[in-house]
């Protein structure tokens, strides 16, 4: 399992949500955050942080979907980070591993 974290422009959030839903991803956590990257001025800009726990088999599909719909071609489009997810547990049922995501 992997945890995909994407930092995107807020107005792209609905497009990303729809794109990942179209490939079968059902669970997403969204946080409103602020940050800055390589621009010349160090001003904090509003961003949306999306966290998605997925099975290894769909990681590349999710990355491609996010990239395709979140890209504007302008500075500040964001980043995607992929990290290994050791364990996941669905609290309600006790399911763990891939069944929990």
PDB file of N, CA and C in Angstrom:
ATOM      1  N   UNK A   1       0.841  -1.183   0.000  1.00  0.00           N
ATOM      2  CA  UNK A   1       0.000   0.000   0.000  1.00  0.00           C
ATOM      3  C   UNK A   1       0.881   1.239   0.000  1.00  0.00           C
ATOM      4  N   UNK A   2       0.336   2.297  -0.551  1.00  0.00           N
ATOM      5  CA  UNK A   2       1.046   3.573  -0.605  1.00  0.00           C
ATOM      6  C   UNK A   2       0.122   4.680  -0.113  1.00  0.00           C
ATOM      7  N   UNK A   3       0.738   5.731   0.409  1.00  0.00           N
ATOM      8  CA  UNK A   3       0.008   6.943   0.758  1.00  0.00           C
ATOM      9  C   UNK A   3       0.435   8.004  -0.245  1.00  0.00           C
ATOM     10  N   UNK A   4      -0.515   8.470  -1.032  1.00  0.00           N
ATOM     11  CA  UNK A   4      -0.256   9.522  -2.007  1.00  0.00           C
ATOM     12  C   UNK A   4      -0.721  10.835  -1.407  1.00  0.00           C
ATOM     13  N   UNK A   5       0.209  11.783  -1.329  1.00  0.00           N
ATOM     14  CA  UNK A   5      -0.094  13.121  -0.831  1.00  0.00           C
ATOM     15  C   UNK A   5       0.121  14.088  -1.976  1.00  0.00           C
ATOM     16  N   UNK A   6      -0.917  14.827  -2.315  1.00  0.00           N
ATOM     17  CA  UNK A   6      -0.823  15.799  -3.402  1.00  0.00           C
ATOM     18  C   UNK A   6      -1.143  17.186  -2.853  1.00  0.00           C
ATOM     19  N   UNK A   7      -0.300  18.146  -3.198  1.00  0.00           N
ATOM     20  CA  UNK A   7      -0.532  19.548  -2.858  1.00  0.00           C
ATOM     21  C   UNK A   7      -0.903  20.237  -4.167  1.00  0.00           C
ATOM     22  N   UNK A   8      -2.121  20.761  -4.231  1.00  0.00           N
ATOM     23  CA  UNK A   8      -2.615  21.325  -5.491  1.00  0.00           C
ATOM     24  C   UNK A   8      -3.260  22.690  -5.259  1.00  0.00           C
ATOM     25  N   UNK A   9      -3.544  23.370  -6.358  1.00  0.00           N
ATOM     26  CA  UNK A   9      -4.280  24.626  -6.287  1.00  0.00           C
ATOM     27  C   UNK A   9      -5.723  24.319  -5.883  1.00  0.00           C
ATOM     28  N   UNK A  10      -6.288  25.104  -4.961  1.00  0.00           N
ATOM     29  CA  UNK A  10      -7.634  24.797  -4.449  1.00  0.00           C
ATOM     30  C   UNK A  10      -8.718  24.702  -5.517  1.00  0.00           C
ATOM     31  N   UNK A  11      -8.647  25.498  -6.559  1.00  0.00           N
ATOM     32  CA  UNK A  11      -9.709  25.470  -7.566  1.00  0.00           C
ATOM     33  C   UNK A  11      -9.668  24.206  -8.420  1.00  0.00           C
ATOM     34  N   UNK A  12      -8.621  23.394  -8.266  1.00  0.00           N
ATOM     35  CA  UNK A  12      -8.509  22.130  -8.982  1.00  0.00           C
ATOM     36  C   UNK A  12      -9.024  20.942  -8.166  1.00  0.00           C
ATOM     37  N   UNK A  13      -9.446  21.182  -6.940  1.00  0.00           N
ATOM     38  CA  UNK A  13      -9.834  20.104  -6.027  1.00  0.00           C
ATOM     39  C   UNK A  13     -10.980  19.252  -6.576  1.00  0.00           C
ATOM     40  N   UNK A  14     -12.043  19.865  -7.052  1.00  0.00           N
ATOM     41  CA  UNK A  14     -13.180  19.088  -7.565  1.00  0.00           C
ATOM     42  C   UNK A  14     -12.791  18.260  -8.787  1.00  0.00           C
ATOM     43  N   UNK A  15     -11.954  18.828  -9.654  1.00  0.00           N
ATOM     44  CA  UNK A  15     -11.498  18.084 -10.831  1.00  0.00           C
ATOM     45  C   UNK A  15     -10.685  16.858 -10.421  1.00  0.00           C
ATOM     46  N   UNK A  16      -9.810  17.027  -9.433  1.00  0.00           N
ATOM     47  CA  UNK A  16      -8.999  15.904  -8.950  1.00  0.00           C
ATOM     48  C   UNK A  16      -9.890  14.867  -8.288  1.00  0.00           C
ATOM     49  N   UNK A  17     -10.823  15.305  -7.469  1.00  0.00           N
ATOM     50  CA  UNK A  17     -11.741  14.379  -6.798  1.00  0.00           C
ATOM     51  C   UNK A  17     -12.472  13.520  -7.821  1.00  0.00           C
ATOM     52  N   UNK A  18     -12.972  14.147  -8.884  1.00  0.00           N
ATOM     53  CA  UNK A  18     -13.696  13.409  -9.915  1.00  0.00           C
ATOM     54  C   UNK A  18     -12.771  12.449 -10.673  1.00  0.00           C
ATOM     55  N   UNK A  19     -11.567  12.888 -10.977  1.00  0.00           N
ATOM     56  CA  UNK A  19     -10.624  12.057 -11.731  1.00  0.00           C
ATOM     57  C   UNK A  19     -10.246  10.796 -10.964  1.00  0.00           C
ATOM     58  N   UNK A  20     -10.020  10.923  -9.666  1.00  0.00           N
ATOM     59  CA  UNK A  20      -9.648   9.723  -8.906  1.00  0.00           C
ATOM     60  C   UNK A  20     -10.861   8.841  -8.631  1.00  0.00           C
ATOM     61  N   UNK A  21     -12.041   9.453  -8.520  1.00  0.00           N
ATOM     62  CA  UNK A  21     -13.263   8.654  -8.360  1.00  0.00           C
ATOM     63  C   UNK A  21     -13.511   7.837  -9.624  1.00  0.00           C
ATOM     64  N   UNK A  22     -13.202   8.403 -10.776  1.00  0.00           N
ATOM     65  CA  UNK A  22     -13.409   7.716 -12.052  1.00  0.00           C
ATOM     66  C   UNK A  22     -12.560   6.454 -12.182  1.00  0.00           C
ATOM     67  N   UNK A  23     -11.434   6.386 -11.444  1.00  0.00           N
ATOM     68  CA  UNK A  23     -10.616   5.167 -11.506  1.00  0.00           C
ATOM     69  C   UNK A  23     -10.850   4.258 -10.302  1.00  0.00           C
ATOM     70  N   UNK A  24     -11.860   4.589  -9.492  1.00  0.00           N
ATOM     71  CA  UNK A  24     -12.277   3.697  -8.424  1.00  0.00           C
ATOM     72  C   UNK A  24     -11.753   4.001  -7.041  1.00  0.00           C
ATOM     73  N   UNK A  25     -11.049   5.114  -6.862  1.00  0.00           N
ATOM     74  CA  UNK A  25     -10.563   5.475  -5.527  1.00  0.00           C
ATOM     75  C   UNK A  25     -11.741   6.010  -4.727  1.00  0.00           C
ATOM     76  N   UNK A  26     -11.943   5.458  -3.534  1.00  0.00           N
ATOM     77  CA  UNK A  26     -13.136   5.801  -2.759  1.00  0.00           C
ATOM     78  C   UNK A  26     -12.872   6.663  -1.530  1.00  0.00           C
ATOM     79  N   UNK A  27     -11.663   6.693  -1.013  1.00  0.00           N
ATOM     80  CA  UNK A  27     -11.408   7.439   0.208  1.00  0.00           C
ATOM     81  C   UNK A  27     -10.360   8.509   0.017  1.00  0.00           C
ATOM     82  N   UNK A  28     -10.688   9.728   0.409  1.00  0.00           N
ATOM     83  CA  UNK A  28      -9.778  10.857   0.249  1.00  0.00           C
ATOM     84  C   UNK A  28      -9.901  11.751   1.481  1.00  0.00           C
ATOM     85  N   UNK A  29      -8.767  12.254   1.957  1.00  0.00           N
ATOM     86  CA  UNK A  29      -8.759  13.254   3.018  1.00  0.00           C
ATOM     87  C   UNK A  29      -8.220  14.549   2.432  1.00  0.00           C
ATOM     88  N   UNK A  30      -8.916  15.659   2.690  1.00  0.00           N
ATOM     89  CA  UNK A  30      -8.511  16.957   2.150  1.00  0.00           C
ATOM     90  C   UNK A  30      -8.311  17.932   3.303  1.00  0.00           C
ATOM     91  N   UNK A  31      -7.205  18.670   3.234  1.00  0.00           N
ATOM     92  CA  UNK A  31      -6.884  19.689   4.226  1.00  0.00           C
ATOM     93  C   UNK A  31      -6.546  20.982   3.507  1.00  0.00           C
ATOM     94  N   UNK A  32      -7.038  22.089   4.015  1.00  0.00           N
ATOM     95  CA  UNK A  32      -6.646  23.384   3.470  1.00  0.00           C
ATOM     96  C   UNK A  32      -5.338  23.781   4.131  1.00  0.00           C
ATOM     97  N   UNK A  33      -4.309  24.053   3.308  1.00  0.00           N
ATOM     98  CA  UNK A  33      -2.985  24.372   3.816  1.00  0.00           C
ATOM     99  C   UNK A  33      -2.452  25.615   3.111  1.00  0.00           C
ATOM    100  N   UNK A  34      -1.289  26.073   3.558  1.00  0.00           N
ATOM    101  CA  UNK A  34      -0.593  27.184   2.912  1.00  0.00           C
ATOM    102  C   UNK A  34       0.846  26.772   2.700  1.00  0.00           C
ATOM    103  N   UNK A  35       1.457  27.321   1.653  1.00  0.00           N
ATOM    104  CA  UNK A  35       2.854  26.994   1.415  1.00  0.00           C
ATOM    105  C   UNK A  35       3.446  27.877   0.345  1.00  0.00           C
ATOM    106  N   UNK A  36       4.727  27.664   0.109  1.00  0.00           N
ATOM    107  CA  UNK A  36       5.397  28.352  -0.988  1.00  0.00           C
ATOM    108  C   UNK A  36       6.472  27.435  -1.534  1.00  0.00           C
ATOM    109  N   UNK A  37       6.818  27.674  -2.785  1.00  0.00           N
ATOM    110  CA  UNK A  37       7.816  26.841  -3.445  1.00  0.00           C
ATOM    111  C   UNK A  37       8.953  27.672  -3.968  1.00  0.00           C
ATOM    112  N   UNK A  38       9.234  27.547  -5.239  1.00  0.00           N
ATOM    113  CA  UNK A  38      10.413  28.162  -5.839  1.00  0.00           C
ATOM    114  C   UNK A  38      10.186  29.565  -6.378  1.00  0.00           C
ATOM    115  N   UNK A  39       9.020  30.152  -6.152  1.00  0.00           N
ATOM    116  CA  UNK A  39       8.798  31.492  -6.684  1.00  0.00           C
ATOM    117  C   UNK A  39       9.725  32.492  -6.004  1.00  0.00           C
ATOM    118  N   UNK A  40       9.897  33.621  -6.606  1.00  0.00           N
ATOM    119  CA  UNK A  40      10.874  34.591  -6.130  1.00  0.00           C
ATOM    120  C   UNK A  40      10.465  35.222  -4.807  1.00  0.00           C
ATOM    121  N   UNK A  41       9.188  35.499  -4.642  1.00  0.00           N
ATOM    122  CA  UNK A  41       8.706  36.076  -3.383  1.00  0.00           C
ATOM    123  C   UNK A  41       8.273  34.952  -2.455  1.00  0.00           C
ATOM    124  N   UNK A  42       8.550  35.116  -1.187  1.00  0.00           N
ATOM    125  CA  UNK A  42       8.181  34.093  -0.211  1.00  0.00           C
ATOM    126  C   UNK A  42       6.855  34.475   0.425  1.00  0.00           C
ATOM    127  N   UNK A  43       5.789  34.270  -0.331  1.00  0.00           N
ATOM    128  CA  UNK A  43       4.436  34.523   0.156  1.00  0.00           C
ATOM    129  C   UNK A  43       3.728  33.178   0.297  1.00  0.00           C
ATOM    130  N   UNK A  44       3.065  32.999   1.426  1.00  0.00           N
ATOM    131  CA  UNK A  44       2.292  31.780   1.598  1.00  0.00           C
ATOM    132  C   UNK A  44       1.048  31.855   0.718  1.00  0.00           C
ATOM    133  N   UNK A  45       0.826  30.788  -0.043  1.00  0.00           N
ATOM    134  CA  UNK A  45      -0.318  30.713  -0.941  1.00  0.00           C
ATOM    135  C   UNK A  45      -1.250  29.611  -0.476  1.00  0.00           C
ATOM    136  N   UNK A  46      -2.558  29.802  -0.635  1.00  0.00           N
ATOM    137  CA  UNK A  46      -3.498  28.746  -0.252  1.00  0.00           C
ATOM    138  C   UNK A  46      -3.364  27.546  -1.179  1.00  0.00           C
ATOM    139  N   UNK A  47      -3.383  26.367  -0.596  1.00  0.00           N
ATOM    140  CA  UNK A  47      -3.294  25.105  -1.334  1.00  0.00           C
ATOM    141  C   UNK A  47      -4.263  24.106  -0.715  1.00  0.00           C
ATOM    142  N   UNK A  48      -4.562  23.062  -1.456  1.00  0.00           N
ATOM    143  CA  UNK A  48      -5.321  21.933  -0.927  1.00  0.00           C
ATOM    144  C   UNK A  48      -4.384  20.740  -0.864  1.00  0.00           C
ATOM    145  N   UNK A  49      -4.389  20.076   0.274  1.00  0.00           N
ATOM    146  CA  UNK A  49      -3.572  18.876   0.475  1.00  0.00           C
ATOM    147  C   UNK A  49      -4.513  17.673   0.458  1.00  0.00           C
ATOM    148  N   UNK A  50      -4.241  16.753  -0.453  1.00  0.00           N
ATOM    149  CA  UNK A  50      -5.060  15.558  -0.614  1.00  0.00           C
ATOM    150  C   UNK A  50      -4.234  14.363  -0.184  1.00  0.00           C
ATOM    151  N   UNK A  51      -4.808  13.522   0.666  1.00  0.00           N
ATOM    152  CA  UNK A  51      -4.137  12.297   1.096  1.00  0.00           C
ATOM    153  C   UNK A  51      -5.009  11.109   0.706  1.00  0.00           C
ATOM    154  N   UNK A  52      -4.386  10.144   0.012  1.00  0.00           N
ATOM    155  CA  UNK A  52      -5.118   8.997  -0.509  1.00  0.00           C
ATOM    156  C   UNK A  52      -4.316   7.733  -0.220  1.00  0.00           C
ATOM    157  N   UNK A  53      -4.899   6.800   0.496  1.00  0.00           N
ATOM    158  CA  UNK A  53      -4.273   5.498   0.718  1.00  0.00           C
ATOM    159  C   UNK A  53      -4.772   4.556  -0.365  1.00  0.00           C
ATOM    160  N   UNK A  54      -3.834   3.946  -1.113  1.00  0.00           N
ATOM    161  CA  UNK A  54      -4.220   3.088  -2.235  1.00  0.00           C
ATOM    162  C   UNK A  54      -3.393   1.807  -2.259  1.00  0.00           C
ATOM    163  N   UNK A  55      -3.932   0.819  -2.934  1.00  0.00           N
ATOM    164  CA  UNK A  55      -3.200  -0.411  -3.184  1.00  0.00           C
ATOM    165  C   UNK A  55      -2.097  -0.120  -4.205  1.00  0.00           C
ATOM    166  N   UNK A  56      -1.005  -0.848  -4.112  1.00  0.00           N
ATOM    167  CA  UNK A  56       0.131  -0.642  -5.011  1.00  0.00           C
ATOM    168  C   UNK A  56      -0.249  -0.715  -6.497  1.00  0.00           C
ATOM    169  N   UNK A  57      -1.282  -1.471  -6.813  1.00  0.00           N
ATOM    170  CA  UNK A  57      -1.644  -1.692  -8.215  1.00  0.00           C
ATOM    171  C   UNK A  57      -2.213  -0.455  -8.906  1.00  0.00           C
ATOM    172  N   UNK A  58      -2.672   0.534  -8.158  1.00  0.00           N
ATOM    173  CA  UNK A  58      -3.287   1.718  -8.781  1.00  0.00           C
ATOM    174  C   UNK A  58      -2.484   3.003  -8.576  1.00  0.00           C
ATOM    175  N   UNK A  59      -1.310   2.900  -7.984  1.00  0.00           N
ATOM    176  CA  UNK A  59      -0.519   4.095  -7.676  1.00  0.00           C
ATOM    177  C   UNK A  59      -0.259   4.939  -8.916  1.00  0.00           C
ATOM    178  N   UNK A  60       0.238   4.327  -9.974  1.00  0.00           N
ATOM    179  CA  UNK A  60       0.574   5.087 -11.178  1.00  0.00           C
ATOM    180  C   UNK A  60      -0.660   5.704 -11.823  1.00  0.00           C
ATOM    181  N   UNK A  61      -1.783   5.006 -11.790  1.00  0.00           N
ATOM    182  CA  UNK A  61      -3.038   5.544 -12.332  1.00  0.00           C
ATOM    183  C   UNK A  61      -3.468   6.786 -11.560  1.00  0.00           C
ATOM    184  N   UNK A  62      -3.352   6.743 -10.244  1.00  0.00           N
ATOM    185  CA  UNK A  62      -3.753   7.875  -9.411  1.00  0.00           C
ATOM    186  C   UNK A  62      -2.834   9.067  -9.658  1.00  0.00           C
ATOM    187  N   UNK A  63      -1.535   8.810  -9.724  1.00  0.00           N
ATOM    188  CA  UNK A  63      -0.580   9.891 -10.000  1.00  0.00           C
ATOM    189  C   UNK A  63      -0.886  10.537 -11.347  1.00  0.00           C
ATOM    190  N   UNK A  64      -1.120   9.713 -12.350  1.00  0.00           N
ATOM    191  CA  UNK A  64      -1.414  10.239 -13.686  1.00  0.00           C
ATOM    192  C   UNK A  64      -2.708  11.052 -13.694  1.00  0.00           C
ATOM    193  N   UNK A  65      -3.733  10.554 -13.011  1.00  0.00           N
ATOM    194  CA  UNK A  65      -5.015  11.263 -12.968  1.00  0.00           C
ATOM    195  C   UNK A  65      -4.863  12.627 -12.294  1.00  0.00           C
ATOM    196  N   UNK A  66      -4.172  12.659 -11.163  1.00  0.00           N
ATOM    197  CA  UNK A  66      -3.972  13.929 -10.456  1.00  0.00           C
ATOM    198  C   UNK A  66      -3.167  14.887 -11.326  1.00  0.00           C
ATOM    199  N   UNK A  67      -2.078  14.398 -11.884  1.00  0.00           N
ATOM    200  CA  UNK A  67      -1.209  15.237 -12.708  1.00  0.00           C
ATOM    201  C   UNK A  67      -1.966  15.826 -13.897  1.00  0.00           C
ATOM    202  N   UNK A  68      -2.729  15.003 -14.571  1.00  0.00           N
ATOM    203  CA  UNK A  68      -3.439  15.454 -15.766  1.00  0.00           C
ATOM    204  C   UNK A  68      -4.459  16.549 -15.481  1.00  0.00           C
ATOM    205  N   UNK A  69      -5.182  16.439 -14.380  1.00  0.00           N
ATOM    206  CA  UNK A  69      -6.237  17.434 -14.130  1.00  0.00           C
ATOM    207  C   UNK A  69      -5.771  18.615 -13.284  1.00  0.00           C
ATOM    208  N   UNK A  70      -4.697  18.461 -12.525  1.00  0.00           N
ATOM    209  CA  UNK A  70      -4.241  19.556 -11.663  1.00  0.00           C
ATOM    210  C   UNK A  70      -3.266  20.488 -12.373  1.00  0.00           C
ATOM    211  N   UNK A  71      -2.708  20.059 -13.485  1.00  0.00           N
ATOM    212  CA  UNK A  71      -1.703  20.856 -14.191  1.00  0.00           C
ATOM    213  C   UNK A  71      -2.338  22.040 -14.913  1.00  0.00           C
ATOM    214  N   UNK A  72      -1.814  23.245 -14.619  1.00  0.00           N
ATOM    215  CA  UNK A  72      -2.211  24.441 -15.364  1.00  0.00           C
ATOM    216  C   UNK A  72      -1.062  24.919 -16.239  1.00  0.00           C
ATOM    217  N   UNK A  73       0.150  24.438 -15.930  1.00  0.00           N
ATOM    218  CA  UNK A  73       1.332  24.880 -16.658  1.00  0.00           C
ATOM    219  C   UNK A  73       1.943  26.141 -16.080  1.00  0.00           C
ATOM    220  N   UNK A  74       1.399  26.588 -14.963  1.00  0.00           N
ATOM    221  CA  UNK A  74       1.903  27.804 -14.325  1.00  0.00           C
ATOM    222  C   UNK A  74       2.575  27.453 -13.001  1.00  0.00           C
ATOM    223  N   UNK A  75       3.389  28.359 -12.525  1.00  0.00           N
ATOM    224  CA  UNK A  75       4.068  28.165 -11.240  1.00  0.00           C
ATOM    225  C   UNK A  75       3.025  27.923 -10.152  1.00  0.00           C
ATOM    226  N   UNK A  76       3.329  26.968  -9.278  1.00  0.00           N
ATOM    227  CA  UNK A  76       2.447  26.696  -8.145  1.00  0.00           C
ATOM    228  C   UNK A  76       1.455  25.575  -8.371  1.00  0.00           C
ATOM    229  N   UNK A  77       1.621  24.802  -9.448  1.00  0.00           N
ATOM    230  CA  UNK A  77       0.704  23.694  -9.693  1.00  0.00           C
ATOM    231  C   UNK A  77       0.755  22.646  -8.586  1.00  0.00           C
ATOM    232  N   UNK A  78       1.879  22.532  -7.890  1.00  0.00           N
ATOM    233  CA  UNK A  78       1.937  21.645  -6.743  1.00  0.00           C
ATOM    234  C   UNK A  78       2.898  20.490  -6.895  1.00  0.00           C
ATOM    235  N   UNK A  79       2.764  19.541  -5.985  1.00  0.00           N
ATOM    236  CA  UNK A  79       3.639  18.372  -5.924  1.00  0.00           C
ATOM    237  C   UNK A  79       2.815  17.149  -5.546  1.00  0.00           C
ATOM    238  N   UNK A  80       3.360  15.986  -5.878  1.00  0.00           N
ATOM    239  CA  UNK A  80       2.794  14.713  -5.439  1.00  0.00           C
ATOM    240  C   UNK A  80       3.906  13.938  -4.748  1.00  0.00           C
ATOM    241  N   UNK A  81       3.614  13.435  -3.563  1.00  0.00           N
ATOM    242  CA  UNK A  81       4.561  12.622  -2.806  1.00  0.00           C
ATOM    243  C   UNK A  81       3.952  11.242  -2.605  1.00  0.00           C
ATOM    244  N   UNK A  82       4.759  10.200  -2.741  1.00  0.00           N
ATOM    245  CA  UNK A  82       4.294   8.831  -2.534  1.00  0.00           C
ATOM    246  C   UNK A  82       5.170   8.202  -1.461  1.00  0.00           C
ATOM    247  N   UNK A  83       4.530   7.685  -0.419  1.00  0.00           N
ATOM    248  CA  UNK A  83       5.259   7.046   0.669  1.00  0.00           C
ATOM    249  C   UNK A  83       4.686   5.650   0.923  1.00  0.00           C
ATOM    250  N   UNK A  84       5.528   4.798   1.435  1.00  0.00           N
ATOM    251  CA  UNK A  84       5.107   3.447   1.799  1.00  0.00           C
ATOM    252  C   UNK A  84       4.154   3.523   2.982  1.00  0.00           C
ATOM    253  N   UNK A  85       3.076   2.777   2.904  1.00  0.00           N
ATOM    254  CA  UNK A  85       2.094   2.726   3.989  1.00  0.00           C
ATOM    255  C   UNK A  85       2.197   1.353   4.643  1.00  0.00           C
ATOM    256  N   UNK A  86       2.682   1.331   5.853  1.00  0.00           N
ATOM    257  CA  UNK A  86       2.925   0.070   6.553  1.00  0.00           C
ATOM    258  C   UNK A  86       1.651  -0.674   6.920  1.00  0.00           C
ATOM    259  N   UNK A  87       0.645   0.061   7.361  1.00  0.00           N
ATOM    260  CA  UNK A  87      -0.564  -0.585   7.854  1.00  0.00           C
ATOM    261  C   UNK A  87      -1.733   0.376   7.743  1.00  0.00           C
ATOM    262  N   UNK A  88      -2.897  -0.175   7.526  1.00  0.00           N
ATOM    263  CA  UNK A  88      -4.141   0.586   7.546  1.00  0.00           C
ATOM    264  C   UNK A  88      -5.172  -0.264   8.266  1.00  0.00           C
ATOM    265  N   UNK A  89      -5.986   0.368   9.102  1.00  0.00           N
ATOM    266  CA  UNK A  89      -7.023  -0.346   9.841  1.00  0.00           C
ATOM    267  C   UNK A  89      -8.314   0.452   9.743  1.00  0.00           C
ATOM    268  N   UNK A  90      -9.378  -0.197   9.330  1.00  0.00           N
ATOM    269  CA  UNK A  90     -10.694   0.437   9.341  1.00  0.00           C
ATOM    270  C   UNK A  90     -11.250   0.259  10.746  1.00  0.00           C
ATOM    271  N   UNK A  91     -11.429   1.353  11.435  1.00  0.00           N
ATOM    272  CA  UNK A  91     -11.829   1.316  12.842  1.00  0.00           C
ATOM    273  C   UNK A  91     -13.182   0.633  13.026  1.00  0.00           C
ATOM    274  N   UNK A  92     -14.138   0.940  12.169  1.00  0.00           N
ATOM    275  CA  UNK A  92     -15.497   0.400  12.332  1.00  0.00           C
ATOM    276  C   UNK A  92     -15.533  -1.121  12.278  1.00  0.00           C
ATOM    277  N   UNK A  93     -14.794  -1.722  11.326  1.00  0.00           N
ATOM    278  CA  UNK A  93     -14.894  -3.166  11.109  1.00  0.00           C
ATOM    279  C   UNK A  93     -13.695  -3.953  11.613  1.00  0.00           C
ATOM    280  N   UNK A  94     -12.579  -3.264  11.833  1.00  0.00           N
ATOM    281  CA  UNK A  94     -11.369  -3.966  12.220  1.00  0.00           C
ATOM    282  C   UNK A  94     -10.573  -4.519  11.051  1.00  0.00           C
ATOM    283  N   UNK A  95     -11.071  -4.324   9.816  1.00  0.00           N
ATOM    284  CA  UNK A  95     -10.338  -4.783   8.648  1.00  0.00           C
ATOM    285  C   UNK A  95      -8.987  -4.102   8.605  1.00  0.00           C
ATOM    286  N   UNK A  96      -7.990  -4.817   8.085  1.00  0.00           N
ATOM    287  CA  UNK A  96      -6.664  -4.214   7.994  1.00  0.00           C
ATOM    288  C   UNK A  96      -6.049  -4.487   6.629  1.00  0.00           C
ATOM    289  N   UNK A  97      -4.965  -3.794   6.359  1.00  0.00           N
ATOM    290  CA  UNK A  97      -4.281  -3.939   5.075  1.00  0.00           C
ATOM    291  C   UNK A  97      -5.079  -3.354   3.945  1.00  0.00           C
ATOM    292  N   UNK A  98      -4.957  -3.965   2.759  1.00  0.00           N
ATOM    293  CA  UNK A  98      -5.620  -3.454   1.554  1.00  0.00           C
ATOM    294  C   UNK A  98      -7.140  -3.421   1.696  1.00  0.00           C
ATOM    295  N   UNK A  99      -7.711  -4.337   2.483  1.00  0.00           N
ATOM    296  CA  UNK A  99      -9.158  -4.339   2.689  1.00  0.00           C
ATOM    297  C   UNK A  99      -9.640  -3.090   3.417  1.00  0.00           C
ATOM    298  N   UNK A 100      -8.768  -2.461   4.164  1.00  0.00           N
ATOM    299  CA  UNK A 100      -9.147  -1.275   4.942  1.00  0.00           C
ATOM    300  C   UNK A 100      -9.150  -0.007   4.100  1.00  0.00           C
ATOM    301  N   UNK A 101      -8.465  -0.042   2.941  1.00  0.00           N
ATOM    302  CA  UNK A 101      -8.456   1.147   2.110  1.00  0.00           C
ATOM    303  C   UNK A 101      -9.459   1.010   1.008  1.00  0.00           C
TER     304      UNK A 101
END
